[in-house]
Amino acid sequence: MNRSSKITWAVALLGWAIALAMFFPIGWMFLTSFKPEIVAVSTPPTIVFSPTLENYSAVLRRADYIAFARHSVAVALGATVLALLLAIPGAYSMAFHPTKRTRDILVWMMSTKMLPAVGVLVPIYLLWRDLHLLDTIFGLIVIDGLSVLPIVVWMLFSFFQEIPSVILEAARMDGATLFGELLRIVVPISGPGILATALLSIILCWNEAFWSLNLTTVKAATLTVFTASFSSPEGLFWAKLSAASTLSIAPILVFGWMSQRQMVRGLSFGGVK
């Protein structure tokens, strides 16, 4: 085996090791969800046991899983649509009509993601209370959409910059307006990049927990609230909590697996000219 093959095998093994290490918590949670409660908390951990569906039955009896899942879908899709409606014109403007402050604006937008959400919880809570947006789907859509907006703008900005300027110049010579240029040229050409951005936004909004836990109670509670409800003052019921967590992440895992090809294609958009 030559040196190049050894490096290839070493990189492949390292990749598998990292993938298994990242998947282990999810796999262990899935395994724990089928354990009896007494087995789930045993020390040392038990791998061989008699599986049971009692945890899932208890979880589904305790709460309306379908209602929580419906709220999560509505919020994830609604927030993504809102973020795209705001980000596409903004990214287009900064990509094709930049100023000397464009980079500073992009850096400032991304720097807002470094601010802990708890730092603005009180003003957001009071504002949402006064606007009657507490425990509403629309309120969560707005806050989640604005939360992912910096990431969406950055991704779309990078995709739009890959579009050859000669195409836009030709469209302008043919009399295309700014709106027509954006809608008929930029958006169709960068479709894979926009799709990848939308998929990532959906995943981020689905997994968002902070605002869901603090701005909702029942009417708009998402699956993150559903999962957190199994942490009680009496203690953590690990098996039931694992079952609830598995039910919460299962839809987005399936969605991510089904859309991985589109996401990879979109993220590599413009990589080869």
Protein backbone atom coordinates (compact mmCIF):
# COMPACT_ATOMS: atom_id res chain seq x y z
CA MET A 1 0.00 0.00 0.00
CA ASN A 2 1.52 3.32 -1.08
CA ARG A 3 1.59 6.51 0.94
CA SER A 4 -1.39 8.05 -0.87
CA SER A 5 -3.59 5.02 -0.13
CA LYS A 6 -2.57 5.04 3.52
CA ILE A 7 -3.54 8.71 3.82
CA THR A 8 -6.88 7.99 2.13
CA TRP A 9 -7.62 5.12 4.52
CA ALA A 10 -6.55 7.21 7.52
CA VAL A 11 -8.84 10.07 6.49
CA ALA A 12 -11.72 7.64 5.91
CA LEU A 13 -11.25 6.01 9.31
CA LEU A 14 -11.05 9.41 10.98
CA GLY A 15 -14.26 10.46 9.24
CA TRP A 16 -16.06 7.30 10.40
CA ALA A 17 -14.77 7.79 13.95
CA ILE A 18 -16.04 11.38 14.06
CA ALA A 19 -19.41 10.34 12.56
CA LEU A 20 -19.86 7.53 15.10
CA ALA A 21 -18.89 9.82 17.97
CA MET A 22 -21.47 12.38 16.85
CA PHE A 23 -24.16 9.75 16.33
CA PHE A 24 -23.55 7.95 19.63
CA PRO A 25 -25.72 10.27 21.83
CA ILE A 26 -28.63 9.91 19.42
CA GLY A 27 -28.21 6.16 19.23
CA TRP A 28 -27.98 5.84 23.01
CA MET A 29 -31.09 8.00 23.46
CA PHE A 30 -32.98 5.78 20.98
CA LEU A 31 -31.82 2.67 22.84
CA THR A 32 -32.80 4.14 26.22
CA SER A 33 -36.29 4.94 24.98
CA PHE A 34 -37.02 1.18 24.84
CA LYS A 35 -35.71 0.42 28.33
CA PRO A 36 -37.87 0.05 31.44
CA GLU A 37 -37.36 3.05 33.71
CA ILE A 38 -35.44 1.07 36.31
CA VAL A 39 -33.06 -0.24 33.64
CA ALA A 40 -32.56 3.23 32.13
CA VAL A 41 -31.07 4.57 35.38
CA SER A 42 -29.07 1.48 36.29
CA THR A 43 -25.32 1.74 36.98
CA PRO A 44 -23.34 0.59 35.11
CA PRO A 45 -25.47 1.12 31.97
CA THR A 46 -27.26 -1.94 30.66
CA ILE A 47 -27.03 -2.81 26.98
CA VAL A 48 -28.84 -6.15 26.99
CA PHE A 49 -32.46 -5.80 28.16
CA SER A 50 -36.04 -6.69 27.25
CA PRO A 51 -37.32 -3.81 25.08
CA THR A 52 -40.70 -2.25 25.82
CA LEU A 53 -43.00 0.26 24.14
CA GLU A 54 -44.45 1.39 27.46
CA ASN A 55 -42.44 4.63 27.41
CA TYR A 56 -43.88 5.65 24.05
CA SER A 57 -47.38 4.71 25.18
CA ALA A 58 -46.97 6.80 28.35
CA VAL A 59 -45.64 9.77 26.39
CA LEU A 60 -48.47 9.68 23.85
CA ARG A 61 -51.08 9.26 26.58
CA ARG A 62 -49.75 12.24 28.51
CA ALA A 63 -49.67 14.80 25.68
CA ASP A 64 -51.11 15.40 22.22
CA TYR A 65 -48.00 14.72 20.15
CA ILE A 66 -49.72 15.55 16.86
CA ALA A 67 -50.64 19.05 18.07
CA PHE A 68 -47.06 19.80 19.16
CA ALA A 69 -45.69 18.43 15.87
CA ARG A 70 -48.17 20.53 13.89
CA HIS A 71 -46.99 23.65 15.71
CA SER A 72 -43.34 22.79 15.01
CA VAL A 73 -44.04 22.33 11.30
CA ALA A 74 -45.97 25.60 11.08
CA VAL A 75 -43.29 27.56 12.92
CA ALA A 76 -40.35 26.06 11.00
CA LEU A 77 -41.95 26.61 7.60
CA GLY A 78 -43.38 30.02 8.45
CA ALA A 79 -40.13 31.32 9.93
CA THR A 80 -38.18 30.07 6.91
CA VAL A 81 -40.54 31.79 4.47
CA LEU A 82 -40.32 35.02 6.47
CA ALA A 83 -36.52 34.87 6.61
CA LEU A 84 -36.27 34.24 2.85
CA LEU A 85 -38.67 37.09 2.01
CA LEU A 86 -36.48 39.47 3.98
CA ALA A 87 -33.09 37.97 3.11
CA ILE A 88 -33.39 37.57 -0.67
CA PRO A 89 -33.84 41.32 -1.42
CA GLY A 90 -31.24 42.22 1.22
CA ALA A 91 -28.63 39.76 -0.05
CA TYR A 92 -29.34 40.78 -3.65
CA SER A 93 -28.79 44.43 -2.81
CA MET A 94 -25.51 43.77 -0.98
CA ALA A 95 -24.22 41.35 -3.63
CA PHE A 96 -24.96 43.40 -6.75
CA HIS A 97 -25.15 46.96 -5.42
CA PRO A 98 -22.51 46.98 -2.69
CA THR A 99 -21.24 50.00 -0.83
CA LYS A 100 -18.04 50.45 1.14
CA ARG A 101 -20.02 49.52 4.28
CA THR A 102 -21.52 46.28 2.92
CA ARG A 103 -18.96 44.00 4.58
CA ASP A 104 -19.34 45.88 7.85
CA ILE A 105 -23.10 45.37 7.73
CA LEU A 106 -22.69 41.65 7.07
CA VAL A 107 -20.24 41.28 9.95
CA TRP A 108 -22.53 43.27 12.24
CA MET A 109 -25.51 41.06 11.31
CA MET A 110 -23.57 37.89 12.07
CA SER A 111 -22.23 39.38 15.32
CA THR A 112 -25.80 39.57 16.63
CA LYS A 113 -25.77 35.75 16.76
CA MET A 114 -23.09 36.00 19.44
CA LEU A 115 -25.52 37.77 21.79
CA PRO A 116 -27.05 35.31 24.28
CA ALA A 117 -30.79 35.15 23.70
CA VAL A 118 -31.41 35.46 27.44
CA GLY A 119 -29.89 38.94 27.26
CA VAL A 120 -32.90 40.22 25.31
CA LEU A 121 -35.55 37.96 26.84
CA VAL A 122 -37.15 40.62 29.05
CA PRO A 123 -37.65 43.29 26.35
CA ILE A 124 -38.82 40.69 23.82
CA TYR A 125 -41.23 39.19 26.35
CA LEU A 126 -42.68 42.61 27.25
CA LEU A 127 -42.97 43.59 23.59
CA TRP A 128 -44.67 40.31 22.68
CA ARG A 129 -47.01 40.72 25.67
CA ASP A 130 -48.06 44.21 24.59
CA LEU A 131 -48.54 43.06 21.00
CA HIS A 132 -50.57 40.02 22.17
CA LEU A 133 -48.11 37.64 20.51
CA LEU A 134 -47.39 35.45 23.52
CA ASP A 135 -48.29 31.80 23.00
CA THR A 136 -49.12 32.36 19.31
CA ILE A 137 -47.79 30.64 16.22
CA PHE A 138 -47.31 34.00 14.52
CA GLY A 139 -45.25 35.30 17.43
CA LEU A 140 -42.91 32.30 17.23
CA ILE A 141 -42.65 32.60 13.46
CA VAL A 142 -41.54 36.22 13.76
CA ILE A 143 -38.92 35.65 16.47
CA ASP A 144 -37.54 32.47 14.86
CA GLY A 145 -37.46 34.05 11.41
CA LEU A 146 -35.52 37.04 12.72
CA SER A 147 -33.20 34.73 14.67
CA VAL A 148 -32.06 32.83 11.56
CA LEU A 149 -32.08 35.92 9.33
CA PRO A 150 -28.32 36.72 9.67
CA ILE A 151 -27.34 33.18 8.65
CA VAL A 152 -29.80 33.19 5.75
CA VAL A 153 -28.53 36.56 4.50
CA TRP A 154 -24.90 35.43 4.67
CA MET A 155 -25.57 32.21 2.77
CA LEU A 156 -27.64 33.90 0.06
CA PHE A 157 -25.05 36.67 -0.27
CA SER A 158 -22.34 34.09 -0.98
CA PHE A 159 -24.57 32.29 -3.51
CA PHE A 160 -25.57 35.49 -5.32
CA GLN A 161 -21.94 36.54 -5.66
CA GLU A 162 -21.28 33.41 -7.74
CA ILE A 163 -23.66 34.60 -10.48
CA PRO A 164 -21.64 35.98 -13.43
CA SER A 165 -22.12 39.73 -13.70
CA VAL A 166 -22.34 39.54 -17.51
CA ILE A 167 -25.72 37.82 -17.21
CA LEU A 168 -27.14 40.69 -15.20
CA GLU A 169 -25.56 43.25 -17.48
CA ALA A 170 -27.22 41.60 -20.46
CA ALA A 171 -30.56 41.63 -18.69
CA ARG A 172 -30.21 45.32 -17.89
CA MET A 173 -29.38 46.10 -21.50
CA ASP A 174 -32.61 44.32 -22.46
CA GLY A 175 -34.51 46.64 -20.13
CA ALA A 176 -34.95 44.41 -17.08
CA THR A 177 -36.04 46.24 -13.94
CA LEU A 178 -34.51 45.59 -10.54
CA PHE A 179 -37.53 43.51 -9.55
CA GLY A 180 -37.49 41.62 -12.84
CA GLU A 181 -33.75 41.03 -12.57
CA LEU A 182 -34.18 39.60 -9.06
CA LEU A 183 -37.27 37.52 -9.78
CA ARG A 184 -36.50 36.22 -13.29
CA ILE A 185 -32.72 35.85 -13.23
CA VAL A 186 -31.13 35.85 -9.79
CA VAL A 187 -33.66 33.61 -8.02
CA PRO A 188 -33.89 30.92 -10.76
CA ILE A 189 -30.12 30.74 -11.26
CA SER A 190 -29.40 30.50 -7.54
CA GLY A 191 -32.29 28.11 -6.93
CA PRO A 192 -30.13 25.29 -5.52
CA GLY A 193 -28.47 27.71 -3.09
CA ILE A 194 -31.82 29.12 -1.97
CA LEU A 195 -33.14 25.58 -1.46
CA ALA A 196 -30.12 24.63 0.64
CA THR A 197 -30.54 27.78 2.70
CA ALA A 198 -34.24 27.03 3.22
CA LEU A 199 -33.48 23.46 4.31
CA LEU A 200 -30.89 24.65 6.84
CA SER A 201 -33.29 27.30 8.12
CA ILE A 202 -36.04 24.71 8.63
CA ILE A 203 -33.67 22.52 10.65
CA LEU A 204 -32.52 25.45 12.80
CA CYS A 205 -36.08 26.63 13.47
CA TRP A 206 -37.25 23.09 14.27
CA ASN A 207 -34.50 22.69 16.87
CA GLU A 208 -35.02 26.12 18.46
CA ALA A 209 -35.95 25.75 22.11
CA PHE A 210 -35.25 28.97 24.02
CA TRP A 211 -38.01 31.12 22.58
CA SER A 212 -40.50 28.25 22.45
CA LEU A 213 -40.00 27.56 26.15
CA ASN A 214 -40.24 31.21 27.18
CA LEU A 215 -42.88 32.63 24.84
CA THR A 216 -45.38 29.76 24.68
CA THR A 217 -47.38 27.62 27.08
CA VAL A 218 -50.02 25.51 25.33
CA LYS A 219 -51.59 27.08 22.24
CA ALA A 220 -48.36 27.39 20.24
CA ALA A 221 -46.05 25.00 22.10
CA THR A 222 -43.68 23.11 19.82
CA LEU A 223 -42.00 19.73 20.21
CA THR A 224 -39.17 21.29 22.23
CA VAL A 225 -41.76 22.21 24.87
CA PHE A 226 -43.22 18.73 24.55
CA THR A 227 -39.79 17.23 25.34
CA ALA A 228 -39.07 19.62 28.21
CA SER A 229 -42.38 18.74 29.87
CA PHE A 230 -40.93 15.36 30.86
CA SER A 231 -38.48 17.05 33.19
CA SER A 232 -40.46 17.42 36.41
CA PRO A 233 -39.77 18.49 40.03
CA GLU A 234 -39.95 14.82 40.97
CA GLY A 235 -36.86 14.16 38.86
CA LEU A 236 -35.91 13.05 35.38
CA PHE A 237 -37.60 9.98 33.98
CA TRP A 238 -34.83 9.04 31.58
CA ALA A 239 -36.66 6.40 29.60
CA LYS A 240 -39.76 8.55 29.01
CA LEU A 241 -37.61 11.60 28.34
CA SER A 242 -35.66 9.60 25.76
CA ALA A 243 -38.90 8.44 24.13
CA ALA A 244 -40.20 12.02 23.98
CA SER A 245 -36.88 13.23 22.56
CA THR A 246 -36.88 10.49 19.94
CA LEU A 247 -40.39 11.45 18.85
CA SER A 248 -39.31 15.11 18.70
CA ILE A 249 -36.23 14.65 16.53
CA ALA A 250 -37.48 11.80 14.36
CA PRO A 251 -39.34 14.02 11.82
CA ILE A 252 -36.39 16.39 11.30
CA LEU A 253 -33.92 13.48 11.08
CA VAL A 254 -36.02 11.86 8.36
CA PHE A 255 -36.40 15.22 6.63
CA GLY A 256 -32.65 15.84 6.77
CA TRP A 257 -31.87 12.38 5.44
CA MET A 258 -34.31 12.78 2.54
CA SER A 259 -33.03 16.24 1.62
CA GLN A 260 -29.30 15.66 2.07
CA ARG A 261 -28.66 15.41 -1.66
CA GLN A 262 -30.41 18.72 -2.33
CA MET A 263 -28.56 20.36 0.55
CA VAL A 264 -25.14 19.18 -0.64
CA ARG A 265 -25.96 20.27 -4.16
CA GLY A 266 -27.06 23.68 -2.95
CA LEU A 267 -24.09 24.19 -0.64
CA SER A 268 -21.73 23.37 -3.50
CA PHE A 269 -23.56 25.77 -5.83
CA GLY A 270 -21.01 27.91 -7.64
CA GLY A 271 -18.10 25.81 -6.43
CA VAL A 272 -17.23 24.73 -9.96
CA LYS A 273 -17.28 27.25 -12.78
